[in-house]
Amino acid sequence: MKITNIKDTEAFFKVIDSCEGTVELITNEGDRLNLKSKLSQFVSLASIFQADSSIIPELELIAYEPEDSKKLLEFMINQ
């Protein structure tokens, strides 16, 4: 799933942390980073914010549990 225009990164990562299953970020190179890992969260944030922006323009994620996909969609609707 593609998620766009994430304005509140702290709330976004709280949703990721609340997910039961694995949530992966697909990088532009096709690599998969497990966003449940704090190290991967920091690496992804560093690469995302190289453009010096406070908004994450777009991420491609894979959530393996249907409940986790629902949480992420609810986050996007309510942000």
C-alpha atoms as a PDB file:
ATOM      1  CA  MET A   1       0.000   0.000   0.000  1.00  0.00           C
ATOM      2  CA  LYS A   2       1.171   3.516  -0.716  1.00  0.00           C
ATOM      3  CA  ILE A   3       0.792   6.097   2.005  1.00  0.00           C
ATOM      4  CA  THR A   4       1.198   9.773   1.177  1.00  0.00           C
ATOM      5  CA  ASN A   5       1.662  13.117   2.934  1.00  0.00           C
ATOM      6  CA  ILE A   6       2.424  11.917   6.445  1.00  0.00           C
ATOM      7  CA  LYS A   7       2.484  15.074   8.543  1.00  0.00           C
ATOM      8  CA  ASP A   8       2.842  13.611  12.044  1.00  0.00           C
ATOM      9  CA  THR A   9       5.750  11.163  11.932  1.00  0.00           C
ATOM     10  CA  GLU A  10       5.609  10.519  15.683  1.00  0.00           C
ATOM     11  CA  ALA A  11       1.959   9.407  15.471  1.00  0.00           C
ATOM     12  CA  PHE A  12       2.764   7.372  12.358  1.00  0.00           C
ATOM     13  CA  PHE A  13       5.478   5.386  14.148  1.00  0.00           C
ATOM     14  CA  LYS A  14       3.176   4.900  17.170  1.00  0.00           C
ATOM     15  CA  VAL A  15       0.709   3.229  14.813  1.00  0.00           C
ATOM     16  CA  ILE A  16       3.540   1.107  13.386  1.00  0.00           C
ATOM     17  CA  ASP A  17       4.597   0.110  16.918  1.00  0.00           C
ATOM     18  CA  SER A  18       1.012  -0.894  17.758  1.00  0.00           C
ATOM     19  CA  CYS A  19       0.818  -3.282  14.803  1.00  0.00           C
ATOM     20  CA  GLU A  20       0.811  -6.969  15.689  1.00  0.00           C
ATOM     21  CA  GLY A  21       2.617  -8.275  12.609  1.00  0.00           C
ATOM     22  CA  THR A  22       5.509  -7.180  10.467  1.00  0.00           C
ATOM     23  CA  VAL A  23       5.258  -3.875   8.609  1.00  0.00           C
ATOM     24  CA  GLU A  24       7.878  -3.329   5.925  1.00  0.00           C
ATOM     25  CA  LEU A  25       8.937  -0.210   4.078  1.00  0.00           C
ATOM     26  CA  ILE A  26       9.816  -0.774   0.427  1.00  0.00           C
ATOM     27  CA  THR A  27      12.690   1.513  -0.547  1.00  0.00           C
ATOM     28  CA  ASN A  28      13.185   3.022  -4.003  1.00  0.00           C
ATOM     29  CA  GLU A  29      15.852   0.371  -4.591  1.00  0.00           C
ATOM     30  CA  GLY A  30      13.387  -2.426  -3.750  1.00  0.00           C
ATOM     31  CA  ASP A  31      14.871  -3.243  -0.341  1.00  0.00           C
ATOM     32  CA  ARG A  32      12.523  -4.075   2.514  1.00  0.00           C
ATOM     33  CA  LEU A  33      13.026  -2.514   5.943  1.00  0.00           C
ATOM     34  CA  ASN A  34      11.163  -3.883   8.954  1.00  0.00           C
ATOM     35  CA  LEU A  35       9.591  -0.767  10.474  1.00  0.00           C
ATOM     36  CA  LYS A  36       8.974  -2.557  13.764  1.00  0.00           C
ATOM     37  CA  SER A  37      12.739  -2.199  14.311  1.00  0.00           C
ATOM     38  CA  LYS A  38      13.763   1.117  15.876  1.00  0.00           C
ATOM     39  CA  LEU A  39      17.009   1.053  13.904  1.00  0.00           C
ATOM     40  CA  SER A  40      15.088   0.689  10.647  1.00  0.00           C
ATOM     41  CA  GLN A  41      12.802   3.538  11.703  1.00  0.00           C
ATOM     42  CA  PHE A  42      15.792   5.826  12.209  1.00  0.00           C
ATOM     43  CA  VAL A  43      17.395   4.765   8.922  1.00  0.00           C
ATOM     44  CA  SER A  44      14.152   5.342   7.027  1.00  0.00           C
ATOM     45  CA  LEU A  45      13.625   8.740   8.645  1.00  0.00           C
ATOM     46  CA  ALA A  46      17.163   9.820   7.810  1.00  0.00           C
ATOM     47  CA  SER A  47      16.727   8.949   4.147  1.00  0.00           C
ATOM     48  CA  ILE A  48      13.238  10.436   3.933  1.00  0.00           C
ATOM     49  CA  PHE A  49      14.245  13.755   5.465  1.00  0.00           C
ATOM     50  CA  GLN A  50      17.274  14.316   3.257  1.00  0.00           C
ATOM     51  CA  ALA A  51      14.988  16.582   1.239  1.00  0.00           C
ATOM     52  CA  ASP A  52      14.656  18.823   4.353  1.00  0.00           C
ATOM     53  CA  SER A  53      10.888  18.502   4.581  1.00  0.00           C
ATOM     54  CA  SER A  54       8.626  18.061   7.591  1.00  0.00           C
ATOM     55  CA  ILE A  55       6.164  15.961   5.585  1.00  0.00           C
ATOM     56  CA  ILE A  56       6.850  12.449   4.335  1.00  0.00           C
ATOM     57  CA  PRO A  57       5.581  12.672   0.746  1.00  0.00           C
ATOM     58  CA  GLU A  58       5.118   8.966   0.000  1.00  0.00           C
ATOM     59  CA  LEU A  59       5.920   5.548   1.430  1.00  0.00           C
ATOM     60  CA  GLU A  60       5.228   2.084   0.125  1.00  0.00           C
ATOM     61  CA  LEU A  61       4.426  -0.313   2.936  1.00  0.00           C
ATOM     62  CA  ILE A  62       3.531  -3.961   3.298  1.00  0.00           C
ATOM     63  CA  ALA A  63       1.492  -4.938   6.344  1.00  0.00           C
ATOM     64  CA  TYR A  64       1.180  -8.692   6.700  1.00  0.00           C
ATOM     65  CA  GLU A  65      -1.806  -8.695   9.046  1.00  0.00           C
ATOM     66  CA  PRO A  66      -5.205  -7.402   7.851  1.00  0.00           C
ATOM     67  CA  GLU A  67      -5.771  -5.664  11.208  1.00  0.00           C
ATOM     68  CA  ASP A  68      -2.505  -3.765  10.756  1.00  0.00           C
ATOM     69  CA  SER A  69      -3.529  -2.605   7.271  1.00  0.00           C
ATOM     70  CA  LYS A  70      -6.764  -1.333   8.790  1.00  0.00           C
ATOM     71  CA  LYS A  71      -4.845   0.599  11.481  1.00  0.00           C
ATOM     72  CA  LEU A  72      -2.645   2.232   8.853  1.00  0.00           C
ATOM     73  CA  LEU A  73      -5.631   3.186   6.699  1.00  0.00           C
ATOM     74  CA  GLU A  74      -7.431   4.659   9.711  1.00  0.00           C
ATOM     75  CA  PHE A  75      -4.313   6.690  10.533  1.00  0.00           C
ATOM     76  CA  MET A  76      -4.230   8.105   6.998  1.00  0.00           C
ATOM     77  CA  ILE A  77      -7.939   8.972   7.061  1.00  0.00           C
ATOM     78  CA  ASN A  78      -7.728  10.679  10.462  1.00  0.00           C
ATOM     79  CA  GLN A  79      -4.481  12.604  10.089  1.00  0.00           C
END
